[in-house]
């Protein structure tokens, strides 16, 4: 049994999410020469964190991130 407060969540979706974060972001060069696009900050917060926060708002618990370009930086970002 799980009790959910919908004032904190928009809904509860019984699905997993996959974020594709492996592109080179060539349209944002030179910003993406040393930083992958998902980690570029907007308002002091990495782009990918906005996506993760939104997914969590919908009650999705399992989030997978596929990586390629500068993958080690994205992996480091999510280490706990």
N, C-alpha and C. Protein backbone atom coordinates (compact mmCIF):
# COMPACT_ATOMS: atom_id res chain seq x y z
N UNK A 1 0.85 -1.18 0.00
CA UNK A 1 0.00 0.00 0.00
C UNK A 1 0.89 1.23 0.00
N UNK A 2 0.48 2.21 -0.77
CA UNK A 2 1.25 3.45 -0.87
C UNK A 2 0.28 4.62 -0.77
N UNK A 3 0.58 5.55 0.10
CA UNK A 3 -0.23 6.75 0.25
C UNK A 3 0.47 7.88 -0.48
N UNK A 4 -0.28 8.58 -1.33
CA UNK A 4 0.30 9.63 -2.16
C UNK A 4 -0.42 10.94 -1.90
N UNK A 5 0.35 11.97 -1.63
CA UNK A 5 -0.18 13.32 -1.45
C UNK A 5 -0.09 14.03 -2.80
N UNK A 6 -1.22 14.21 -3.48
CA UNK A 6 -1.20 14.82 -4.81
C UNK A 6 -0.99 16.33 -4.77
N UNK A 7 -0.85 16.90 -3.58
CA UNK A 7 -0.44 18.31 -3.50
C UNK A 7 1.04 18.43 -3.80
N UNK A 8 1.79 17.35 -3.60
CA UNK A 8 3.23 17.35 -3.87
C UNK A 8 3.55 16.81 -5.26
N UNK A 9 2.66 16.01 -5.82
CA UNK A 9 2.88 15.39 -7.13
C UNK A 9 1.72 15.75 -8.04
N UNK A 10 2.00 15.88 -9.33
CA UNK A 10 0.94 16.15 -10.31
C UNK A 10 0.11 14.91 -10.58
N UNK A 11 0.74 13.76 -10.53
CA UNK A 11 0.07 12.48 -10.72
C UNK A 11 1.04 11.38 -10.34
N UNK A 12 0.60 10.16 -10.48
CA UNK A 12 1.48 9.02 -10.26
C UNK A 12 1.41 8.14 -11.50
N UNK A 13 2.48 8.11 -12.25
CA UNK A 13 2.53 7.31 -13.47
C UNK A 13 3.34 6.05 -13.20
N UNK A 14 2.75 4.89 -13.43
CA UNK A 14 3.46 3.62 -13.16
C UNK A 14 4.36 3.21 -14.32
N UNK A 15 5.27 4.10 -14.69
CA UNK A 15 6.17 3.83 -15.81
C UNK A 15 7.58 4.22 -15.42
N UNK A 16 8.54 3.78 -16.22
CA UNK A 16 9.93 4.20 -16.09
C UNK A 16 10.19 5.29 -17.13
N UNK A 17 11.22 6.09 -16.90
CA UNK A 17 11.57 7.15 -17.85
C UNK A 17 13.00 6.94 -18.34
N UNK A 18 13.23 7.26 -19.60
CA UNK A 18 14.57 7.22 -20.19
C UNK A 18 14.87 8.59 -20.76
N UNK A 19 15.94 9.21 -20.29
CA UNK A 19 16.41 10.49 -20.82
C UNK A 19 17.61 10.22 -21.71
N UNK A 20 17.53 10.68 -22.93
CA UNK A 20 18.65 10.50 -23.84
C UNK A 20 19.54 11.74 -23.75
N UNK A 21 20.75 11.56 -23.22
CA UNK A 21 21.65 12.69 -22.97
C UNK A 21 23.02 12.42 -23.59
N UNK A 22 23.05 11.85 -24.78
CA UNK A 22 24.32 11.44 -25.36
C UNK A 22 24.79 12.25 -26.55
N UNK A 23 24.03 13.26 -26.97
CA UNK A 23 24.42 14.04 -28.14
C UNK A 23 25.56 15.00 -27.85
N UNK A 24 26.17 15.49 -28.91
CA UNK A 24 27.32 16.39 -28.76
C UNK A 24 26.91 17.85 -28.56
N UNK A 25 25.68 18.20 -28.85
CA UNK A 25 25.25 19.58 -28.66
C UNK A 25 26.00 20.55 -29.56
N UNK A 26 26.22 20.16 -30.81
CA UNK A 26 27.04 20.98 -31.71
C UNK A 26 26.45 22.36 -31.96
N UNK A 27 25.14 22.49 -31.84
CA UNK A 27 24.52 23.80 -32.05
C UNK A 27 24.84 24.80 -30.96
N UNK A 28 25.37 24.33 -29.86
CA UNK A 28 25.72 25.22 -28.75
C UNK A 28 27.23 25.39 -28.56
N UNK A 29 27.99 24.98 -29.57
CA UNK A 29 29.44 25.20 -29.47
C UNK A 29 29.72 26.68 -29.48
N UNK A 30 30.68 27.18 -28.75
CA UNK A 30 31.74 26.51 -28.02
C UNK A 30 31.36 26.10 -26.59
N UNK A 31 30.13 26.37 -26.15
CA UNK A 31 29.74 26.02 -24.78
C UNK A 31 29.86 24.53 -24.50
N UNK A 32 29.62 23.71 -25.52
CA UNK A 32 29.63 22.26 -25.32
C UNK A 32 30.97 21.60 -25.65
N UNK A 33 31.99 22.39 -25.89
CA UNK A 33 33.31 21.81 -26.16
C UNK A 33 33.84 21.06 -24.94
N UNK A 34 33.59 21.57 -23.74
CA UNK A 34 34.11 20.92 -22.54
C UNK A 34 33.01 20.52 -21.55
N UNK A 35 31.78 20.92 -21.83
CA UNK A 35 30.65 20.59 -20.95
C UNK A 35 29.53 20.00 -21.80
N UNK A 36 29.00 18.83 -21.44
CA UNK A 36 27.89 18.27 -22.20
C UNK A 36 26.64 19.14 -22.04
N UNK A 37 25.85 19.22 -23.10
CA UNK A 37 24.65 20.08 -23.09
C UNK A 37 23.75 19.85 -21.88
N UNK A 38 23.50 18.62 -21.44
CA UNK A 38 22.62 18.43 -20.28
C UNK A 38 23.13 19.10 -19.00
N UNK A 39 24.42 19.39 -18.93
CA UNK A 39 24.98 20.00 -17.73
C UNK A 39 25.18 21.51 -17.85
N UNK A 40 24.82 22.07 -19.00
CA UNK A 40 24.92 23.53 -19.13
C UNK A 40 23.91 24.17 -18.17
N UNK A 41 24.35 25.19 -17.45
CA UNK A 41 23.44 25.80 -16.46
C UNK A 41 22.49 26.82 -17.08
N UNK A 42 21.29 26.80 -16.58
CA UNK A 42 20.29 27.83 -16.87
C UNK A 42 19.79 28.30 -15.52
N UNK A 43 20.02 29.55 -15.21
CA UNK A 43 19.62 30.07 -13.90
C UNK A 43 20.33 29.35 -12.77
N UNK A 44 21.57 28.92 -13.00
CA UNK A 44 22.35 28.27 -11.96
C UNK A 44 22.05 26.79 -11.77
N UNK A 45 21.22 26.21 -12.65
CA UNK A 45 20.83 24.81 -12.50
C UNK A 45 21.04 24.09 -13.84
N UNK A 46 21.68 22.90 -13.83
CA UNK A 46 21.90 22.18 -15.09
C UNK A 46 20.58 21.83 -15.78
N UNK A 47 20.58 21.89 -17.10
CA UNK A 47 19.39 21.61 -17.90
C UNK A 47 18.76 20.28 -17.52
N UNK A 48 19.57 19.25 -17.36
CA UNK A 48 19.03 17.92 -17.09
C UNK A 48 18.28 17.86 -15.76
N UNK A 49 18.67 18.69 -14.81
CA UNK A 49 17.98 18.71 -13.51
C UNK A 49 16.54 19.21 -13.63
N UNK A 50 16.29 20.11 -14.56
CA UNK A 50 14.91 20.56 -14.81
C UNK A 50 14.07 19.38 -15.28
N UNK A 51 14.64 18.56 -16.18
CA UNK A 51 13.93 17.39 -16.69
C UNK A 51 13.68 16.36 -15.59
N UNK A 52 14.70 16.09 -14.80
CA UNK A 52 14.57 15.12 -13.70
C UNK A 52 13.50 15.58 -12.71
N UNK A 53 13.55 16.84 -12.33
CA UNK A 53 12.57 17.38 -11.38
C UNK A 53 11.15 17.23 -11.91
N UNK A 54 10.95 17.50 -13.18
CA UNK A 54 9.61 17.40 -13.78
C UNK A 54 9.13 15.96 -13.80
N UNK A 55 10.01 15.04 -14.12
CA UNK A 55 9.65 13.62 -14.13
C UNK A 55 9.25 13.17 -12.73
N UNK A 56 10.00 13.59 -11.73
CA UNK A 56 9.70 13.23 -10.35
C UNK A 56 8.34 13.79 -9.92
N UNK A 57 7.99 14.99 -10.40
CA UNK A 57 6.69 15.59 -10.07
C UNK A 57 5.52 14.70 -10.50
N UNK A 58 5.75 13.87 -11.50
CA UNK A 58 4.70 12.98 -12.00
C UNK A 58 4.78 11.58 -11.38
N UNK A 59 5.55 11.46 -10.33
CA UNK A 59 5.59 10.23 -9.56
C UNK A 59 6.39 9.10 -10.18
N UNK A 60 7.19 9.41 -11.17
CA UNK A 60 8.01 8.38 -11.79
C UNK A 60 9.24 8.16 -10.93
N UNK A 61 9.46 6.92 -10.54
CA UNK A 61 10.54 6.59 -9.61
C UNK A 61 11.82 6.13 -10.31
N UNK A 62 11.68 5.38 -11.41
CA UNK A 62 12.85 4.82 -12.09
C UNK A 62 13.18 5.67 -13.31
N UNK A 63 14.33 6.34 -13.25
CA UNK A 63 14.77 7.21 -14.33
C UNK A 63 16.13 6.72 -14.81
N UNK A 64 16.23 6.46 -16.11
CA UNK A 64 17.47 6.01 -16.71
C UNK A 64 17.97 7.10 -17.64
N UNK A 65 19.28 7.33 -17.64
CA UNK A 65 19.89 8.36 -18.49
C UNK A 65 20.89 7.68 -19.39
N UNK A 66 20.69 7.78 -20.71
CA UNK A 66 21.66 7.23 -21.66
C UNK A 66 22.68 8.33 -21.96
N UNK A 67 23.94 7.94 -22.02
CA UNK A 67 25.01 8.92 -22.21
C UNK A 67 25.98 8.46 -23.29
N UNK A 68 26.74 9.40 -23.82
CA UNK A 68 27.79 9.09 -24.78
C UNK A 68 28.85 10.18 -24.69
N UNK A 69 28.59 11.35 -25.28
CA UNK A 69 29.56 12.43 -25.33
C UNK A 69 29.81 13.00 -23.93
N UNK A 70 31.07 12.99 -23.51
CA UNK A 70 31.48 13.48 -22.18
C UNK A 70 30.67 12.80 -21.07
N UNK A 71 30.44 11.51 -21.25
CA UNK A 71 29.60 10.71 -20.35
C UNK A 71 30.08 10.76 -18.91
N UNK A 72 31.38 10.79 -18.70
CA UNK A 72 31.90 10.76 -17.33
C UNK A 72 31.43 11.96 -16.51
N UNK A 73 31.23 13.11 -17.15
CA UNK A 73 30.74 14.29 -16.43
C UNK A 73 29.29 14.10 -15.99
N UNK A 74 28.48 13.52 -16.85
CA UNK A 74 27.07 13.28 -16.51
C UNK A 74 26.97 12.22 -15.42
N UNK A 75 27.77 11.17 -15.54
CA UNK A 75 27.79 10.13 -14.51
C UNK A 75 28.20 10.71 -13.16
N UNK A 76 29.20 11.57 -13.17
CA UNK A 76 29.67 12.20 -11.93
C UNK A 76 28.59 13.10 -11.32
N UNK A 77 27.84 13.77 -12.16
CA UNK A 77 26.76 14.65 -11.70
C UNK A 77 25.72 13.88 -10.88
N UNK A 78 25.47 12.63 -11.25
CA UNK A 78 24.43 11.85 -10.59
C UNK A 78 24.94 10.93 -9.49
N UNK A 79 26.23 10.95 -9.21
CA UNK A 79 26.75 10.12 -8.11
C UNK A 79 26.26 10.65 -6.78
N UNK A 80 25.92 9.75 -5.91
CA UNK A 80 25.46 10.12 -4.57
C UNK A 80 26.52 9.80 -3.56
